[in-house]
């Protein structure tokens, strides 16, 4: 499969793995699956093979089930719940803003290459994602 056969996707960057003959498309913009990742066991990151972030989120979700709430008053339990929710939303916003970059870097580490490295969309995404 030659690079000229791969269409340019609007508002997205296309990656190509020559050995596996596989194509992946990473959209530009906010990453909603990554935003929700802290609340759903880190699954979007694990599916995308962003192992470190997905593993941390999975571990934190599992550990949260073991936080003792038995001796706490109702007000303390609500305060812990609100604090946990606020932290989750904050982490979700950060992941949503940086999720596309994490996904692109993961694809590059798996042997994928930019299908259209000279295209303006690819150049802009590389600059935004911090990929040289």
C-alpha atoms as a PDB file:
ATOM      1  CA  UNK A   1       0.000   0.000   0.000  1.00  0.00           C
ATOM      2  CA  UNK A   2       1.589   3.266  -1.070  1.00  0.00           C
ATOM      3  CA  UNK A   3       1.188   6.563   0.748  1.00  0.00           C
ATOM      4  CA  UNK A   4      -0.553   8.057  -2.287  1.00  0.00           C
ATOM      5  CA  UNK A   5      -3.408   5.534  -1.980  1.00  0.00           C
ATOM      6  CA  UNK A   6      -4.246   6.653   1.560  1.00  0.00           C
ATOM      7  CA  UNK A   7      -6.786   9.477   1.552  1.00  0.00           C
ATOM      8  CA  UNK A   8      -6.199  12.571   3.644  1.00  0.00           C
ATOM      9  CA  UNK A   9      -8.815  12.708   6.385  1.00  0.00           C
ATOM     10  CA  UNK A  10     -10.117  16.208   7.174  1.00  0.00           C
ATOM     11  CA  UNK A  11      -9.300  17.436  10.692  1.00  0.00           C
ATOM     12  CA  UNK A  12      -7.367  14.271  11.483  1.00  0.00           C
ATOM     13  CA  UNK A  13      -3.953  12.681  11.113  1.00  0.00           C
ATOM     14  CA  UNK A  14      -3.531   9.297   9.451  1.00  0.00           C
ATOM     15  CA  UNK A  15      -0.948   6.778  10.647  1.00  0.00           C
ATOM     16  CA  UNK A  16       0.302   3.824   8.635  1.00  0.00           C
ATOM     17  CA  UNK A  17       2.015   0.637   9.796  1.00  0.00           C
ATOM     18  CA  UNK A  18       3.769  -0.692   6.700  1.00  0.00           C
ATOM     19  CA  UNK A  19       4.562  -4.168   8.069  1.00  0.00           C
ATOM     20  CA  UNK A  20       1.027  -4.824   9.312  1.00  0.00           C
ATOM     21  CA  UNK A  21      -0.620  -2.869   6.473  1.00  0.00           C
ATOM     22  CA  UNK A  22      -2.756  -1.150   9.086  1.00  0.00           C
ATOM     23  CA  UNK A  23      -4.125   2.388   9.104  1.00  0.00           C
ATOM     24  CA  UNK A  24      -5.155   4.385  12.190  1.00  0.00           C
ATOM     25  CA  UNK A  25      -6.717   7.840  12.212  1.00  0.00           C
ATOM     26  CA  UNK A  26      -6.293  10.227  15.146  1.00  0.00           C
ATOM     27  CA  UNK A  27      -8.662  13.178  15.112  1.00  0.00           C
ATOM     28  CA  UNK A  28      -7.668  16.665  16.186  1.00  0.00           C
ATOM     29  CA  UNK A  29      -9.384  18.389  19.094  1.00  0.00           C
ATOM     30  CA  UNK A  30     -10.669  17.422  22.507  1.00  0.00           C
ATOM     31  CA  UNK A  31     -10.565  13.698  23.273  1.00  0.00           C
ATOM     32  CA  UNK A  32     -13.895  12.827  24.892  1.00  0.00           C
ATOM     33  CA  UNK A  33     -13.129   9.123  25.496  1.00  0.00           C
ATOM     34  CA  UNK A  34      -9.952  10.161  27.327  1.00  0.00           C
ATOM     35  CA  UNK A  35     -11.986  12.662  29.383  1.00  0.00           C
ATOM     36  CA  UNK A  36     -14.247   9.882  30.658  1.00  0.00           C
ATOM     37  CA  UNK A  37     -11.348   7.452  31.118  1.00  0.00           C
ATOM     38  CA  UNK A  38     -10.840   8.192  34.867  1.00  0.00           C
ATOM     39  CA  UNK A  39     -14.435   7.131  35.516  1.00  0.00           C
ATOM     40  CA  UNK A  40     -14.479   3.956  33.397  1.00  0.00           C
ATOM     41  CA  UNK A  41     -11.408   2.082  34.616  1.00  0.00           C
ATOM     42  CA  UNK A  42      -9.058   3.699  32.088  1.00  0.00           C
ATOM     43  CA  UNK A  43     -10.497   1.533  29.315  1.00  0.00           C
ATOM     44  CA  UNK A  44     -10.096   4.065  26.466  1.00  0.00           C
ATOM     45  CA  UNK A  45      -6.380   4.247  27.205  1.00  0.00           C
ATOM     46  CA  UNK A  46      -5.994   0.489  27.535  1.00  0.00           C
ATOM     47  CA  UNK A  47      -7.832  -0.079  24.248  1.00  0.00           C
ATOM     48  CA  UNK A  48      -5.480   2.398  22.533  1.00  0.00           C
ATOM     49  CA  UNK A  49      -2.475   0.641  24.126  1.00  0.00           C
ATOM     50  CA  UNK A  50      -1.478   3.676  26.176  1.00  0.00           C
ATOM     51  CA  UNK A  51      -0.502   1.247  28.916  1.00  0.00           C
ATOM     52  CA  UNK A  52       1.007   3.507  31.577  1.00  0.00           C
ATOM     53  CA  UNK A  53      -1.884   5.955  31.855  1.00  0.00           C
ATOM     54  CA  UNK A  54      -4.491   3.213  31.432  1.00  0.00           C
ATOM     55  CA  UNK A  55      -2.789   1.062  34.080  1.00  0.00           C
ATOM     56  CA  UNK A  56      -2.606   3.937  36.563  1.00  0.00           C
ATOM     57  CA  UNK A  57      -6.281   4.769  36.037  1.00  0.00           C
ATOM     58  CA  UNK A  58      -7.265   1.115  36.383  1.00  0.00           C
ATOM     59  CA  UNK A  59      -5.232   0.753  39.599  1.00  0.00           C
ATOM     60  CA  UNK A  60      -6.720   3.939  41.084  1.00  0.00           C
ATOM     61  CA  UNK A  61     -10.239   2.781  40.228  1.00  0.00           C
ATOM     62  CA  UNK A  62      -9.623  -0.592  41.881  1.00  0.00           C
ATOM     63  CA  UNK A  63      -8.036   1.030  44.944  1.00  0.00           C
ATOM     64  CA  UNK A  64     -11.001   3.378  45.303  1.00  0.00           C
ATOM     65  CA  UNK A  65     -13.199   0.380  46.112  1.00  0.00           C
ATOM     66  CA  UNK A  66     -11.054  -0.358  49.148  1.00  0.00           C
ATOM     67  CA  UNK A  67     -11.160   3.121  50.715  1.00  0.00           C
ATOM     68  CA  UNK A  68     -12.822   2.568  54.074  1.00  0.00           C
ATOM     69  CA  UNK A  69     -16.041   4.528  54.461  1.00  0.00           C
ATOM     70  CA  UNK A  70     -17.517   2.573  57.347  1.00  0.00           C
ATOM     71  CA  UNK A  71     -16.377   4.759  60.266  1.00  0.00           C
ATOM     72  CA  UNK A  72     -16.898   8.086  58.538  1.00  0.00           C
ATOM     73  CA  UNK A  73     -19.905  10.269  59.193  1.00  0.00           C
ATOM     74  CA  UNK A  74     -22.289  11.020  56.375  1.00  0.00           C
ATOM     75  CA  UNK A  75     -20.835  14.520  55.936  1.00  0.00           C
ATOM     76  CA  UNK A  76     -17.277  13.143  55.712  1.00  0.00           C
ATOM     77  CA  UNK A  77     -18.350  10.515  53.186  1.00  0.00           C
ATOM     78  CA  UNK A  78     -20.016  13.189  51.030  1.00  0.00           C
ATOM     79  CA  UNK A  79     -16.912  15.399  51.273  1.00  0.00           C
ATOM     80  CA  UNK A  80     -14.679  12.507  50.151  1.00  0.00           C
ATOM     81  CA  UNK A  81     -17.070  11.748  47.295  1.00  0.00           C
ATOM     82  CA  UNK A  82     -17.102  15.380  46.131  1.00  0.00           C
ATOM     83  CA  UNK A  83     -13.309  15.609  46.386  1.00  0.00           C
ATOM     84  CA  UNK A  84     -12.901  12.380  44.407  1.00  0.00           C
ATOM     85  CA  UNK A  85     -15.309  13.635  41.760  1.00  0.00           C
ATOM     86  CA  UNK A  86     -13.491  16.986  41.493  1.00  0.00           C
ATOM     87  CA  UNK A  87     -10.123  15.249  41.130  1.00  0.00           C
ATOM     88  CA  UNK A  88     -11.593  12.890  38.515  1.00  0.00           C
ATOM     89  CA  UNK A  89     -13.005  15.786  36.516  1.00  0.00           C
ATOM     90  CA  UNK A  90      -9.687  17.647  36.713  1.00  0.00           C
ATOM     91  CA  UNK A  91      -7.744  14.611  35.545  1.00  0.00           C
ATOM     92  CA  UNK A  92     -10.376  14.014  32.853  1.00  0.00           C
ATOM     93  CA  UNK A  93      -9.982  17.545  31.504  1.00  0.00           C
ATOM     94  CA  UNK A  94      -6.201  17.137  31.378  1.00  0.00           C
ATOM     95  CA  UNK A  95      -6.521  13.766  29.636  1.00  0.00           C
ATOM     96  CA  UNK A  96      -9.090  15.174  27.212  1.00  0.00           C
ATOM     97  CA  UNK A  97      -6.754  17.991  26.234  1.00  0.00           C
ATOM     98  CA  UNK A  98      -3.726  15.685  25.879  1.00  0.00           C
ATOM     99  CA  UNK A  99      -5.336  12.364  24.931  1.00  0.00           C
ATOM    100  CA  UNK A 100      -4.799  12.701  21.192  1.00  0.00           C
ATOM    101  CA  UNK A 101      -1.089  13.367  21.750  1.00  0.00           C
ATOM    102  CA  UNK A 102      -0.811  10.306  24.008  1.00  0.00           C
ATOM    103  CA  UNK A 103      -2.536   8.176  21.371  1.00  0.00           C
ATOM    104  CA  UNK A 104      -0.323   9.488  18.546  1.00  0.00           C
ATOM    105  CA  UNK A 105       2.869   8.912  20.555  1.00  0.00           C
ATOM    106  CA  UNK A 106       1.687   5.402  21.416  1.00  0.00           C
ATOM    107  CA  UNK A 107       1.090   4.634  17.728  1.00  0.00           C
ATOM    108  CA  UNK A 108       4.554   5.925  16.816  1.00  0.00           C
ATOM    109  CA  UNK A 109       6.116   3.723  19.508  1.00  0.00           C
ATOM    110  CA  UNK A 110       4.275   0.714  18.003  1.00  0.00           C
ATOM    111  CA  UNK A 111       5.918   1.277  14.615  1.00  0.00           C
ATOM    112  CA  UNK A 112       3.301   3.433  12.922  1.00  0.00           C
ATOM    113  CA  UNK A 113       4.416   6.346  10.761  1.00  0.00           C
ATOM    114  CA  UNK A 114       2.646   9.467   9.564  1.00  0.00           C
ATOM    115  CA  UNK A 115       0.937   8.621   6.279  1.00  0.00           C
ATOM    116  CA  UNK A 116       1.173  12.215   5.055  1.00  0.00           C
ATOM    117  CA  UNK A 117       4.097  13.853   6.907  1.00  0.00           C
ATOM    118  CA  UNK A 118       4.215  16.864   4.568  1.00  0.00           C
ATOM    119  CA  UNK A 119       0.491  17.665   4.859  1.00  0.00           C
ATOM    120  CA  UNK A 120      -0.404  20.862   6.748  1.00  0.00           C
ATOM    121  CA  UNK A 121      -2.774  19.040   9.121  1.00  0.00           C
ATOM    122  CA  UNK A 122      -0.020  16.607  10.080  1.00  0.00           C
ATOM    123  CA  UNK A 123       2.510  19.394  10.591  1.00  0.00           C
ATOM    124  CA  UNK A 124       0.091  21.346  12.807  1.00  0.00           C
ATOM    125  CA  UNK A 125      -0.784  18.239  14.846  1.00  0.00           C
ATOM    126  CA  UNK A 126       2.874  17.323  15.322  1.00  0.00           C
ATOM    127  CA  UNK A 127       3.582  20.805  16.623  1.00  0.00           C
ATOM    128  CA  UNK A 128       0.540  20.769  18.942  1.00  0.00           C
ATOM    129  CA  UNK A 129       1.325  17.267  20.226  1.00  0.00           C
ATOM    130  CA  UNK A 130       5.012  18.015  20.787  1.00  0.00           C
ATOM    131  CA  UNK A 131       6.235  15.502  18.214  1.00  0.00           C
ATOM    132  CA  UNK A 132       9.278  16.584  16.244  1.00  0.00           C
END
